[in-house]
Amino acid sequence: MIIDCHGHYTTTPPGVGEYRDKQKAQVAKDPAFVGEKGKVIVSDDEIRDSIINNQLRLQQERGTDLTIFSPRASWMGHHIGNEYTSQYWTEHQNDLIRRVCDLFPENFAPVAQLPQSPGVDPGKSVAEIVRTVEEMGFIGINLNLDPSGGYWQDKSLADRSFYPIYEKMCEYDIPAMIHVSAACNDCFHTTRITLLRCGYYWFPAVNDVGRL
């Protein structure tokens, strides 16, 4: 079996973007806006069309069998709004990934986005790990090393505030994809994508792997 370990749902139906645009408009008016989770209006037929004509077609053309599939990375947008904005958006994104995998179980395996937000305790993301792994069968998570959106204002992945996430990864024996991030700080040029396996953490600045 040939597995593509890094795939994103970049071809989501229009209803997904419409939901996000409404969220952005609400928090633009009031950064503390909470609101409700609401609904993303997307049909199964729309999902099928978006996958068959794109990711599934590329799978078949390239000869791969399975894609490890997660929400669109550039749309994670953890710096947008507040922790509730990220929570609702993340839940909808993960629900959508589960729907894709249910419709194409032989072709896609689900990986979760986390509801990270600047200045918010990373441990609050554990609840979504539990939901997606225990209730939805996800096999991994995407971990954002910079939820500030390129300003690098939060603590590093080596900080103890991330330990609850690592401990839950160890419990479930799941990996995390530490996704590439942009930088709005001239001290940083770019960061790399790497895999974080339970029991280990990555120091991006020094290219080293350490034991928890």
N, C-alpha and C. Protein backbone atom coordinates (compact mmCIF):
# COMPACT_ATOMS: atom_id res chain seq x y z
N MET A 1 0.83 -1.20 0.00
CA MET A 1 0.00 0.00 0.00
C MET A 1 0.87 1.25 0.00
N ILE A 2 0.53 2.22 -0.83
CA ILE A 2 1.22 3.50 -0.88
C ILE A 2 0.36 4.54 -0.18
N ILE A 3 0.90 5.17 0.86
CA ILE A 3 0.14 6.12 1.68
C ILE A 3 0.71 7.53 1.52
N ASP A 4 -0.16 8.46 1.20
CA ASP A 4 0.19 9.88 1.21
C ASP A 4 -0.09 10.38 2.63
N CYS A 5 0.96 10.74 3.36
CA CYS A 5 0.80 11.04 4.79
C CYS A 5 0.38 12.48 5.06
N HIS A 6 0.19 13.29 4.00
CA HIS A 6 -0.05 14.71 4.25
C HIS A 6 -0.99 15.28 3.20
N GLY A 7 -2.30 15.15 3.46
CA GLY A 7 -3.30 15.69 2.55
C GLY A 7 -4.26 16.60 3.28
N HIS A 8 -4.71 17.67 2.60
CA HIS A 8 -5.65 18.63 3.19
C HIS A 8 -6.89 18.76 2.30
N TYR A 9 -8.01 19.08 2.93
CA TYR A 9 -9.25 19.28 2.19
C TYR A 9 -9.27 20.71 1.67
N THR A 10 -8.59 20.92 0.55
CA THR A 10 -8.46 22.26 -0.03
C THR A 10 -9.59 22.60 -1.00
N THR A 11 -10.47 21.65 -1.25
CA THR A 11 -11.52 21.84 -2.26
C THR A 11 -12.91 21.78 -1.64
N THR A 12 -13.04 22.32 -0.44
CA THR A 12 -14.32 22.25 0.26
C THR A 12 -15.42 22.98 -0.52
N PRO A 13 -16.66 22.50 -0.41
CA PRO A 13 -17.79 23.15 -1.07
C PRO A 13 -18.00 24.58 -0.55
N PRO A 14 -18.72 25.41 -1.30
CA PRO A 14 -18.89 26.83 -0.96
C PRO A 14 -19.46 27.09 0.43
N GLY A 15 -20.29 26.20 0.94
CA GLY A 15 -20.90 26.43 2.25
C GLY A 15 -19.90 26.57 3.38
N VAL A 16 -18.75 25.94 3.22
CA VAL A 16 -17.72 26.02 4.27
C VAL A 16 -17.14 27.43 4.34
N GLY A 17 -16.79 27.98 3.19
CA GLY A 17 -16.27 29.33 3.15
C GLY A 17 -17.30 30.37 3.57
N GLU A 18 -18.55 30.12 3.25
CA GLU A 18 -19.61 31.06 3.64
C GLU A 18 -19.74 31.12 5.15
N TYR A 19 -19.64 29.97 5.82
CA TYR A 19 -19.69 29.94 7.28
C TYR A 19 -18.53 30.75 7.87
N ARG A 20 -17.33 30.52 7.32
CA ARG A 20 -16.15 31.20 7.83
C ARG A 20 -16.22 32.71 7.61
N ASP A 21 -16.73 33.12 6.46
CA ASP A 21 -16.86 34.55 6.18
C ASP A 21 -17.79 35.22 7.19
N LYS A 22 -18.86 34.54 7.57
CA LYS A 22 -19.78 35.09 8.57
C LYS A 22 -19.09 35.21 9.92
N GLN A 23 -18.31 34.18 10.28
CA GLN A 23 -17.55 34.24 11.52
C GLN A 23 -16.62 35.45 11.53
N LYS A 24 -15.88 35.63 10.46
CA LYS A 24 -14.93 36.73 10.38
C LYS A 24 -15.63 38.08 10.49
N ALA A 25 -16.78 38.20 9.85
CA ALA A 25 -17.52 39.46 9.90
C ALA A 25 -17.99 39.75 11.33
N GLN A 26 -18.43 38.71 12.03
CA GLN A 26 -18.90 38.90 13.40
C GLN A 26 -17.79 39.34 14.34
N VAL A 27 -16.62 38.70 14.25
CA VAL A 27 -15.54 39.06 15.16
C VAL A 27 -14.86 40.36 14.73
N ALA A 28 -15.02 40.75 13.47
CA ALA A 28 -14.49 42.05 13.04
C ALA A 28 -15.26 43.18 13.72
N LYS A 29 -16.56 42.97 13.91
CA LYS A 29 -17.39 43.96 14.59
C LYS A 29 -17.16 43.94 16.09
N ASP A 30 -16.96 42.73 16.63
CA ASP A 30 -16.78 42.56 18.08
C ASP A 30 -15.80 41.42 18.32
N PRO A 31 -14.54 41.73 18.64
CA PRO A 31 -13.53 40.68 18.85
C PRO A 31 -13.89 39.68 19.94
N ALA A 32 -14.77 40.07 20.86
CA ALA A 32 -15.17 39.18 21.95
C ALA A 32 -16.44 38.40 21.63
N PHE A 33 -16.91 38.49 20.39
CA PHE A 33 -18.16 37.83 20.01
C PHE A 33 -18.06 36.32 20.22
N VAL A 34 -19.09 35.76 20.87
CA VAL A 34 -19.13 34.32 21.13
C VAL A 34 -20.11 33.63 20.17
N GLY A 35 -21.36 34.04 20.22
CA GLY A 35 -22.35 33.45 19.34
C GLY A 35 -22.57 31.97 19.60
N GLU A 36 -22.98 31.25 18.56
CA GLU A 36 -23.24 29.82 18.65
C GLU A 36 -22.47 29.10 17.55
N LYS A 37 -22.34 27.78 17.72
CA LYS A 37 -21.63 26.99 16.71
C LYS A 37 -22.32 27.08 15.36
N GLY A 38 -23.62 27.04 15.33
CA GLY A 38 -24.35 27.12 14.08
C GLY A 38 -24.13 25.90 13.19
N LYS A 39 -24.42 26.06 11.91
CA LYS A 39 -24.32 24.94 10.98
C LYS A 39 -23.53 25.33 9.73
N VAL A 40 -22.82 24.35 9.20
CA VAL A 40 -22.21 24.47 7.88
C VAL A 40 -23.09 23.68 6.92
N ILE A 41 -23.64 24.37 5.95
CA ILE A 41 -24.60 23.74 5.03
C ILE A 41 -23.86 23.16 3.83
N VAL A 42 -23.60 21.85 3.88
CA VAL A 42 -22.91 21.15 2.81
C VAL A 42 -23.55 19.77 2.67
N SER A 43 -23.93 19.40 1.47
CA SER A 43 -24.57 18.10 1.24
C SER A 43 -23.52 17.03 0.96
N ASP A 44 -23.91 15.77 1.12
CA ASP A 44 -23.01 14.66 0.79
C ASP A 44 -22.64 14.69 -0.69
N ASP A 45 -23.59 15.06 -1.55
CA ASP A 45 -23.30 15.13 -2.98
C ASP A 45 -22.23 16.17 -3.28
N GLU A 46 -22.28 17.30 -2.57
CA GLU A 46 -21.25 18.32 -2.76
C GLU A 46 -19.88 17.81 -2.34
N ILE A 47 -19.86 17.08 -1.23
CA ILE A 47 -18.59 16.50 -0.77
C ILE A 47 -18.06 15.50 -1.79
N ARG A 48 -18.95 14.63 -2.28
CA ARG A 48 -18.52 13.63 -3.28
C ARG A 48 -17.93 14.31 -4.52
N ASP A 49 -18.62 15.33 -5.02
CA ASP A 49 -18.14 16.03 -6.20
C ASP A 49 -16.78 16.68 -5.95
N SER A 50 -16.61 17.27 -4.77
CA SER A 50 -15.36 17.97 -4.47
C SER A 50 -14.19 17.01 -4.33
N ILE A 51 -14.46 15.78 -3.91
CA ILE A 51 -13.40 14.78 -3.72
C ILE A 51 -13.13 13.99 -5.00
N ILE A 52 -14.18 13.51 -5.64
CA ILE A 52 -14.01 12.68 -6.84
C ILE A 52 -13.28 13.43 -7.93
N ASN A 53 -13.58 14.71 -8.09
CA ASN A 53 -12.98 15.49 -9.18
C ASN A 53 -11.64 16.10 -8.81
N ASN A 54 -11.18 15.87 -7.61
CA ASN A 54 -9.93 16.49 -7.17
C ASN A 54 -9.02 15.48 -6.48
N GLN A 55 -9.15 15.33 -5.15
CA GLN A 55 -8.22 14.45 -4.43
C GLN A 55 -8.25 13.01 -4.90
N LEU A 56 -9.44 12.46 -5.13
CA LEU A 56 -9.54 11.07 -5.56
C LEU A 56 -8.96 10.90 -6.97
N ARG A 57 -9.20 11.86 -7.83
CA ARG A 57 -8.63 11.81 -9.18
C ARG A 57 -7.11 11.81 -9.12
N LEU A 58 -6.54 12.66 -8.26
CA LEU A 58 -5.08 12.73 -8.14
C LEU A 58 -4.52 11.45 -7.52
N GLN A 59 -5.25 10.89 -6.56
CA GLN A 59 -4.84 9.59 -6.00
C GLN A 59 -4.67 8.57 -7.11
N GLN A 60 -5.68 8.47 -7.95
CA GLN A 60 -5.67 7.46 -9.00
C GLN A 60 -4.59 7.75 -10.04
N GLU A 61 -4.38 9.02 -10.36
CA GLU A 61 -3.36 9.38 -11.35
C GLU A 61 -1.95 9.08 -10.84
N ARG A 62 -1.74 9.29 -9.53
CA ARG A 62 -0.41 9.15 -8.95
C ARG A 62 -0.14 7.76 -8.37
N GLY A 63 -1.16 6.93 -8.33
CA GLY A 63 -0.97 5.55 -7.89
C GLY A 63 -0.88 5.36 -6.39
N THR A 64 -1.41 6.31 -5.62
CA THR A 64 -1.45 6.14 -4.16
C THR A 64 -2.76 5.48 -3.77
N ASP A 65 -2.74 4.86 -2.58
CA ASP A 65 -3.91 4.10 -2.14
C ASP A 65 -4.71 4.80 -1.05
N LEU A 66 -4.02 5.52 -0.17
CA LEU A 66 -4.66 6.11 1.00
C LEU A 66 -4.04 7.46 1.30
N THR A 67 -4.89 8.44 1.63
CA THR A 67 -4.41 9.77 2.02
C THR A 67 -4.77 10.04 3.48
N ILE A 68 -3.76 10.43 4.26
CA ILE A 68 -4.01 10.88 5.63
C ILE A 68 -4.52 12.31 5.51
N PHE A 69 -5.79 12.52 5.86
CA PHE A 69 -6.54 13.70 5.42
C PHE A 69 -6.93 14.59 6.59
N SER A 70 -6.66 15.88 6.45
CA SER A 70 -6.99 16.83 7.52
C SER A 70 -7.55 18.12 6.93
N PRO A 71 -8.09 19.00 7.77
CA PRO A 71 -8.64 20.26 7.25
C PRO A 71 -7.59 21.11 6.55
N ARG A 72 -8.06 22.01 5.75
CA ARG A 72 -7.21 22.91 4.97
C ARG A 72 -6.32 23.73 5.90
N ALA A 73 -5.02 23.58 5.76
CA ALA A 73 -4.08 24.20 6.70
C ALA A 73 -4.15 25.72 6.69
N SER A 74 -4.24 26.31 5.53
CA SER A 74 -4.26 27.77 5.43
C SER A 74 -5.55 28.38 5.98
N TRP A 75 -6.53 27.54 6.23
CA TRP A 75 -7.79 28.02 6.80
C TRP A 75 -7.91 27.76 8.30
N MET A 76 -6.89 27.15 8.90
CA MET A 76 -6.98 26.93 10.35
C MET A 76 -7.23 28.26 11.06
N GLY A 77 -6.44 29.28 10.71
CA GLY A 77 -6.71 30.64 11.17
C GLY A 77 -6.89 30.78 12.66
N HIS A 78 -5.99 30.18 13.43
CA HIS A 78 -6.15 30.26 14.88
C HIS A 78 -6.03 31.67 15.43
N HIS A 79 -5.44 32.57 14.67
CA HIS A 79 -5.28 33.95 15.12
C HIS A 79 -6.54 34.78 14.90
N ILE A 80 -7.54 34.22 14.24
CA ILE A 80 -8.76 34.96 13.93
C ILE A 80 -9.76 34.83 15.07
N GLY A 81 -10.27 35.96 15.55
CA GLY A 81 -11.29 35.95 16.59
C GLY A 81 -10.75 35.53 17.94
N ASN A 82 -11.56 34.77 18.67
CA ASN A 82 -11.21 34.36 20.02
C ASN A 82 -11.28 32.84 20.13
N GLU A 83 -11.16 32.32 21.34
CA GLU A 83 -11.13 30.86 21.49
C GLU A 83 -12.43 30.19 21.06
N TYR A 84 -13.55 30.89 21.17
CA TYR A 84 -14.82 30.30 20.75
C TYR A 84 -14.90 30.26 19.22
N THR A 85 -14.38 31.30 18.58
CA THR A 85 -14.30 31.29 17.12
C THR A 85 -13.55 30.06 16.65
N SER A 86 -12.38 29.83 17.25
CA SER A 86 -11.56 28.67 16.86
C SER A 86 -12.23 27.35 17.21
N GLN A 87 -12.88 27.31 18.36
CA GLN A 87 -13.53 26.06 18.78
C GLN A 87 -14.62 25.65 17.79
N TYR A 88 -15.51 26.59 17.46
CA TYR A 88 -16.62 26.26 16.56
C TYR A 88 -16.11 25.90 15.16
N TRP A 89 -15.16 26.71 14.68
CA TRP A 89 -14.61 26.47 13.35
C TRP A 89 -13.92 25.12 13.29
N THR A 90 -13.14 24.81 14.31
CA THR A 90 -12.42 23.54 14.35
C THR A 90 -13.37 22.35 14.39
N GLU A 91 -14.39 22.43 15.20
CA GLU A 91 -15.35 21.33 15.28
C GLU A 91 -16.02 21.07 13.94
N HIS A 92 -16.39 22.15 13.26
CA HIS A 92 -17.01 21.98 11.94
C HIS A 92 -16.02 21.38 10.94
N GLN A 93 -14.77 21.83 10.98
CA GLN A 93 -13.78 21.30 10.07
C GLN A 93 -13.54 19.81 10.28
N ASN A 94 -13.44 19.42 11.54
CA ASN A 94 -13.22 18.00 11.85
C ASN A 94 -14.44 17.16 11.51
N ASP A 95 -15.63 17.70 11.74
CA ASP A 95 -16.85 16.99 11.36
C ASP A 95 -16.87 16.74 9.84
N LEU A 96 -16.40 17.73 9.10
CA LEU A 96 -16.38 17.62 7.64
C LEU A 96 -15.38 16.55 7.18
N ILE A 97 -14.23 16.51 7.83
CA ILE A 97 -13.24 15.48 7.49
C ILE A 97 -13.80 14.08 7.78
N ARG A 98 -14.52 13.94 8.87
CA ARG A 98 -15.13 12.65 9.19
C ARG A 98 -16.14 12.25 8.12
N ARG A 99 -16.88 13.21 7.61
CA ARG A 99 -17.85 12.92 6.56
C ARG A 99 -17.15 12.45 5.28
N VAL A 100 -16.05 13.09 4.93
CA VAL A 100 -15.28 12.66 3.76
C VAL A 100 -14.83 11.21 3.92
N CYS A 101 -14.28 10.91 5.10
CA CYS A 101 -13.77 9.56 5.34
C CYS A 101 -14.88 8.51 5.40
N ASP A 102 -16.05 8.93 5.83
CA ASP A 102 -17.19 8.01 5.82
C ASP A 102 -17.65 7.71 4.40
N LEU A 103 -17.57 8.71 3.53
CA LEU A 103 -18.00 8.54 2.14
C LEU A 103 -16.96 7.79 1.31
N PHE A 104 -15.67 7.90 1.70
CA PHE A 104 -14.59 7.25 0.97
C PHE A 104 -13.66 6.52 1.95
N PRO A 105 -14.17 5.52 2.65
CA PRO A 105 -13.40 4.88 3.73
C PRO A 105 -12.14 4.15 3.27
N GLU A 106 -12.09 3.76 2.02
CA GLU A 106 -10.92 3.05 1.50
C GLU A 106 -9.81 4.00 1.05
N ASN A 107 -10.14 5.29 0.96
CA ASN A 107 -9.21 6.24 0.35
C ASN A 107 -8.65 7.29 1.31
N PHE A 108 -9.36 7.54 2.43
CA PHE A 108 -8.95 8.62 3.32
C PHE A 108 -9.03 8.19 4.79
N ALA A 109 -8.06 8.65 5.58
CA ALA A 109 -8.04 8.44 7.02
C ALA A 109 -7.95 9.80 7.70
N PRO A 110 -8.73 10.05 8.76
CA PRO A 110 -8.88 11.40 9.30
C PRO A 110 -7.83 11.84 10.33
N VAL A 111 -7.38 13.07 10.17
CA VAL A 111 -6.50 13.74 11.13
C VAL A 111 -7.16 15.05 11.54
N ALA A 112 -7.08 15.38 12.82
CA ALA A 112 -7.86 16.49 13.38
C ALA A 112 -7.09 17.81 13.43
N GLN A 113 -7.82 18.87 13.20
CA GLN A 113 -7.38 20.22 13.55
C GLN A 113 -7.64 20.42 15.03
N LEU A 114 -6.85 21.26 15.70
CA LEU A 114 -7.08 21.58 17.10
C LEU A 114 -7.58 23.01 17.25
N PRO A 115 -8.39 23.28 18.28
CA PRO A 115 -8.94 24.63 18.48
C PRO A 115 -7.98 25.55 19.24
N GLN A 116 -6.77 25.68 18.73
CA GLN A 116 -5.80 26.55 19.38
C GLN A 116 -6.16 28.02 19.16
N SER A 117 -5.70 28.87 20.07
CA SER A 117 -5.98 30.29 19.96
C SER A 117 -4.91 31.05 20.72
N PRO A 118 -4.48 32.22 20.25
CA PRO A 118 -3.41 32.96 20.92
C PRO A 118 -3.74 33.27 22.39
N GLY A 119 -2.79 33.00 23.26
CA GLY A 119 -2.97 33.32 24.66
C GLY A 119 -3.84 32.36 25.43
N VAL A 120 -4.34 31.32 24.76
CA VAL A 120 -5.22 30.34 25.41
C VAL A 120 -4.41 29.10 25.76
N ASP A 121 -4.63 28.57 26.94
CA ASP A 121 -3.92 27.38 27.41
C ASP A 121 -4.03 26.25 26.38
N PRO A 122 -2.91 25.75 25.86
CA PRO A 122 -2.98 24.66 24.88
C PRO A 122 -3.73 23.44 25.40
N GLY A 123 -3.74 23.23 26.72
CA GLY A 123 -4.43 22.09 27.28
C GLY A 123 -5.92 22.07 26.99
N LYS A 124 -6.48 23.24 26.64
CA LYS A 124 -7.90 23.28 26.30
C LYS A 124 -8.21 22.53 25.01
N SER A 125 -7.18 22.24 24.22
CA SER A 125 -7.39 21.50 22.98
C SER A 125 -7.58 20.01 23.21
N VAL A 126 -7.29 19.54 24.42
CA VAL A 126 -7.38 18.11 24.71
C VAL A 126 -8.78 17.57 24.48
N ALA A 127 -9.79 18.37 24.81
CA ALA A 127 -11.18 17.91 24.65
C ALA A 127 -11.48 17.54 23.20
N GLU A 128 -10.93 18.30 22.25
CA GLU A 128 -11.17 17.99 20.84
C GLU A 128 -10.39 16.76 20.40
N ILE A 129 -9.23 16.53 21.01
CA ILE A 129 -8.50 15.29 20.74
C ILE A 129 -9.33 14.10 21.19
N VAL A 130 -9.88 14.19 22.38
CA VAL A 130 -10.72 13.11 22.92
C VAL A 130 -11.92 12.87 22.01
N ARG A 131 -12.60 13.95 21.62
CA ARG A 131 -13.79 13.82 20.78
C ARG A 131 -13.46 13.16 19.45
N THR A 132 -12.40 13.64 18.80
CA THR A 132 -12.11 13.14 17.46
C THR A 132 -11.54 11.72 17.47
N VAL A 133 -10.77 11.38 18.49
CA VAL A 133 -10.18 10.04 18.55
C VAL A 133 -11.17 9.03 19.08
N GLU A 134 -11.78 9.31 20.21
CA GLU A 134 -12.66 8.33 20.85
C GLU A 134 -14.01 8.20 20.14
N GLU A 135 -14.57 9.33 19.70
CA GLU A 135 -15.91 9.30 19.13
C GLU A 135 -15.91 9.20 17.60
N MET A 136 -14.79 9.62 16.96
CA MET A 136 -14.81 9.74 15.50
C MET A 136 -13.71 8.95 14.81
N GLY A 137 -12.84 8.29 15.59
CA GLY A 137 -11.85 7.41 14.99
C GLY A 137 -10.70 8.09 14.28
N PHE A 138 -10.36 9.31 14.66
CA PHE A 138 -9.24 10.00 14.03
C PHE A 138 -7.93 9.34 14.44
N ILE A 139 -6.93 9.42 13.56
CA ILE A 139 -5.67 8.71 13.80
C ILE A 139 -4.50 9.65 14.12
N GLY A 140 -4.75 10.94 14.19
CA GLY A 140 -3.69 11.89 14.49
C GLY A 140 -4.23 13.30 14.59
N ILE A 141 -3.32 14.25 14.85
CA ILE A 141 -3.71 15.65 14.98
C ILE A 141 -2.72 16.54 14.22
N ASN A 142 -3.20 17.72 13.84
CA ASN A 142 -2.32 18.79 13.38
C ASN A 142 -2.08 19.73 14.55
N LEU A 143 -0.83 20.06 14.81
CA LEU A 143 -0.47 20.92 15.94
C LEU A 143 0.19 22.18 15.40
N ASN A 144 -0.41 23.32 15.72
CA ASN A 144 0.10 24.60 15.25
C ASN A 144 1.14 25.12 16.24
N LEU A 145 2.37 25.30 15.78
CA LEU A 145 3.41 25.78 16.66
C LEU A 145 3.36 27.29 16.86
N ASP A 146 2.46 27.98 16.14
CA ASP A 146 2.34 29.43 16.26
C ASP A 146 0.91 29.89 15.98
N PRO A 147 0.00 29.77 16.95
CA PRO A 147 -1.38 30.19 16.73
C PRO A 147 -1.57 31.70 16.61
N SER A 148 -0.51 32.49 16.81
CA SER A 148 -0.63 33.95 16.68
C SER A 148 -0.64 34.39 15.22
N GLY A 149 -0.43 33.47 14.29
CA GLY A 149 -0.50 33.81 12.88
C GLY A 149 0.77 34.41 12.32
N GLY A 150 1.91 33.97 12.83
CA GLY A 150 3.18 34.43 12.27
C GLY A 150 3.95 35.38 13.15
N TYR A 151 3.39 35.76 14.29
CA TYR A 151 4.06 36.72 15.18
C TYR A 151 4.84 36.06 16.31
N TRP A 152 4.66 34.75 16.49
CA TRP A 152 5.43 33.98 17.46
C TRP A 152 5.36 34.59 18.86
N GLN A 153 4.14 34.82 19.32
CA GLN A 153 3.95 35.50 20.60
C GLN A 153 3.65 34.53 21.75
N ASP A 154 3.36 33.29 21.43
CA ASP A 154 3.03 32.32 22.48
C ASP A 154 4.24 31.48 22.86
N LYS A 155 4.06 30.61 23.84
CA LYS A 155 5.14 29.76 24.32
C LYS A 155 5.49 28.69 23.30
N SER A 156 6.71 28.19 23.38
CA SER A 156 7.17 27.19 22.43
C SER A 156 6.56 25.83 22.74
N LEU A 157 6.70 24.91 21.78
CA LEU A 157 6.18 23.56 21.95
C LEU A 157 6.88 22.81 23.07
N ALA A 158 8.04 23.29 23.51
CA ALA A 158 8.76 22.65 24.61
C ALA A 158 8.21 23.06 25.97
N ASP A 159 7.33 24.06 26.01
CA ASP A 159 6.79 24.54 27.29
C ASP A 159 5.84 23.50 27.89
N ARG A 160 5.82 23.47 29.21
CA ARG A 160 4.99 22.48 29.91
C ARG A 160 3.50 22.66 29.65
N SER A 161 3.09 23.81 29.18
CA SER A 161 1.67 24.02 28.89
C SER A 161 1.18 23.10 27.78
N PHE A 162 2.11 22.58 26.95
CA PHE A 162 1.74 21.65 25.89
C PHE A 162 1.72 20.19 26.37
N TYR A 163 2.21 19.95 27.56
CA TYR A 163 2.31 18.57 28.04
C TYR A 163 0.97 17.82 28.04
N PRO A 164 -0.15 18.46 28.42
CA PRO A 164 -1.41 17.71 28.36
C PRO A 164 -1.72 17.15 26.97
N ILE A 165 -1.34 17.89 25.92
CA ILE A 165 -1.52 17.38 24.56
C ILE A 165 -0.62 16.18 24.31
N TYR A 166 0.64 16.30 24.71
CA TYR A 166 1.58 15.20 24.50
C TYR A 166 1.17 13.96 25.30
N GLU A 167 0.68 14.19 26.51
CA GLU A 167 0.25 13.06 27.34
C GLU A 167 -0.93 12.33 26.70
N LYS A 168 -1.84 13.09 26.13
CA LYS A 168 -3.00 12.47 25.46
C LYS A 168 -2.55 11.73 24.20
N MET A 169 -1.56 12.28 23.49
CA MET A 169 -1.01 11.58 22.34
C MET A 169 -0.40 10.25 22.76
N CYS A 170 0.32 10.26 23.88
CA CYS A 170 0.92 9.01 24.37
C CYS A 170 -0.17 8.01 24.74
N GLU A 171 -1.21 8.50 25.38
CA GLU A 171 -2.31 7.62 25.79
C GLU A 171 -2.96 6.95 24.59
N TYR A 172 -3.18 7.73 23.51
CA TYR A 172 -3.85 7.20 22.33
C TYR A 172 -2.87 6.61 21.31
N ASP A 173 -1.58 6.82 21.52
CA ASP A 173 -0.55 6.39 20.57
C ASP A 173 -0.82 6.96 19.18
N ILE A 174 -0.96 8.28 19.12
CA ILE A 174 -1.20 8.97 17.86
C ILE A 174 -0.09 10.00 17.61
N PRO A 175 0.21 10.29 16.35
CA PRO A 175 1.20 11.31 16.03
C PRO A 175 0.56 12.67 15.84
N ALA A 176 1.39 13.70 15.82
CA ALA A 176 0.96 15.05 15.45
C ALA A 176 1.80 15.55 14.30
N MET A 177 1.16 16.21 13.37
CA MET A 177 1.88 16.91 12.32
C MET A 177 2.06 18.35 12.78
N ILE A 178 3.31 18.75 13.01
CA ILE A 178 3.59 20.15 13.33
C ILE A 178 3.72 20.87 12.00
N HIS A 179 2.71 21.67 11.67
CA HIS A 179 2.61 22.17 10.31
C HIS A 179 3.51 23.37 10.09
N VAL A 180 3.96 23.52 8.84
CA VAL A 180 4.75 24.68 8.45
C VAL A 180 3.98 25.96 8.77
N SER A 181 4.71 27.00 9.19
CA SER A 181 4.08 28.25 9.58
C SER A 181 4.78 29.42 8.91
N ALA A 182 4.04 30.48 8.66
CA ALA A 182 4.63 31.71 8.14
C ALA A 182 5.25 32.50 9.30
N ALA A 183 5.96 33.56 8.98
CA ALA A 183 6.56 34.39 10.01
C ALA A 183 6.41 35.86 9.65
N CYS A 184 5.88 36.64 10.59
CA CYS A 184 5.80 38.09 10.43
C CYS A 184 6.93 38.77 11.20
N ASN A 185 7.83 37.98 11.74
CA ASN A 185 8.97 38.46 12.50
C ASN A 185 10.23 38.22 11.67
N ASP A 186 11.02 39.27 11.46
CA ASP A 186 12.19 39.17 10.60
C ASP A 186 13.25 38.20 11.13
N CYS A 187 13.15 37.84 12.40
CA CYS A 187 14.11 36.90 12.98
C CYS A 187 13.91 35.48 12.45
N PHE A 188 12.74 35.22 11.88
CA PHE A 188 12.43 33.89 11.39
C PHE A 188 12.22 33.92 9.88
N HIS A 189 12.78 32.95 9.19
CA HIS A 189 12.60 32.86 7.75
C HIS A 189 11.43 31.94 7.41
N THR A 190 11.44 30.77 7.99
CA THR A 190 10.35 29.82 7.77
C THR A 190 10.52 28.70 8.78
N THR A 191 9.55 27.83 8.85
CA THR A 191 9.68 26.63 9.67
C THR A 191 9.34 25.44 8.81
N ARG A 192 9.64 24.28 9.28
CA ARG A 192 9.45 23.07 8.49
C ARG A 192 8.27 22.25 9.02
N ILE A 193 7.79 21.35 8.18
CA ILE A 193 6.82 20.37 8.61
C ILE A 193 7.59 19.20 9.21
N THR A 194 7.16 18.73 10.35
CA THR A 194 7.79 17.55 10.92
C THR A 194 6.74 16.75 11.66
N LEU A 195 7.10 15.56 12.01
CA LEU A 195 6.17 14.65 12.67
C LEU A 195 6.52 14.55 14.15
N LEU A 196 5.54 14.73 14.99
CA LEU A 196 5.72 14.60 16.42
C LEU A 196 5.07 13.31 16.87
N ARG A 197 5.90 12.40 17.34
CA ARG A 197 5.38 11.10 17.78
C ARG A 197 5.23 11.11 19.29
N CYS A 198 4.27 10.37 19.81
CA CYS A 198 4.03 10.37 21.24
C CYS A 198 5.31 10.02 21.99
N GLY A 199 5.57 10.76 23.05
CA GLY A 199 6.76 10.53 23.85
C GLY A 199 7.94 11.38 23.43
N TYR A 200 7.80 12.10 22.31
CA TYR A 200 8.90 12.94 21.85
C TYR A 200 8.39 14.33 21.49
N TYR A 201 9.27 15.32 21.56
CA TYR A 201 8.91 16.65 21.09
C TYR A 201 10.03 17.20 20.23
N TRP A 202 9.69 18.25 19.47
CA TRP A 202 10.62 18.81 18.49
C TRP A 202 11.00 20.22 18.88
N PHE A 203 12.29 20.53 18.81
CA PHE A 203 12.76 21.90 18.99
C PHE A 203 13.05 22.48 17.60
N PRO A 204 12.11 23.23 16.99
CA PRO A 204 12.33 23.69 15.61
C PRO A 204 13.59 24.54 15.45
N ALA A 205 13.96 25.28 16.49
CA ALA A 205 15.07 26.22 16.35
C ALA A 205 16.43 25.53 16.29
N VAL A 206 16.53 24.34 16.86
CA VAL A 206 17.84 23.71 16.94
C VAL A 206 17.91 22.35 16.26
N ASN A 207 16.83 21.97 15.57
CA ASN A 207 16.84 20.71 14.83
C ASN A 207 17.20 19.53 15.71
N ASP A 208 16.54 19.38 16.82
CA ASP A 208 16.86 18.31 17.74
C ASP A 208 15.58 17.65 18.20
N VAL A 209 15.69 16.42 18.61
CA VAL A 209 14.56 15.68 19.13
C VAL A 209 14.86 15.30 20.57
N GLY A 210 13.91 15.54 21.46
CA GLY A 210 14.15 15.23 22.87
C GLY A 210 13.08 14.34 23.45
N ARG A 211 13.40 13.69 24.50
CA ARG A 211 12.47 12.80 25.16
C ARG A 211 11.70 13.55 26.23
N LEU A 212 10.37 13.35 26.27
CA LEU A 212 9.57 13.99 27.32
C LEU A 212 9.87 13.38 28.68
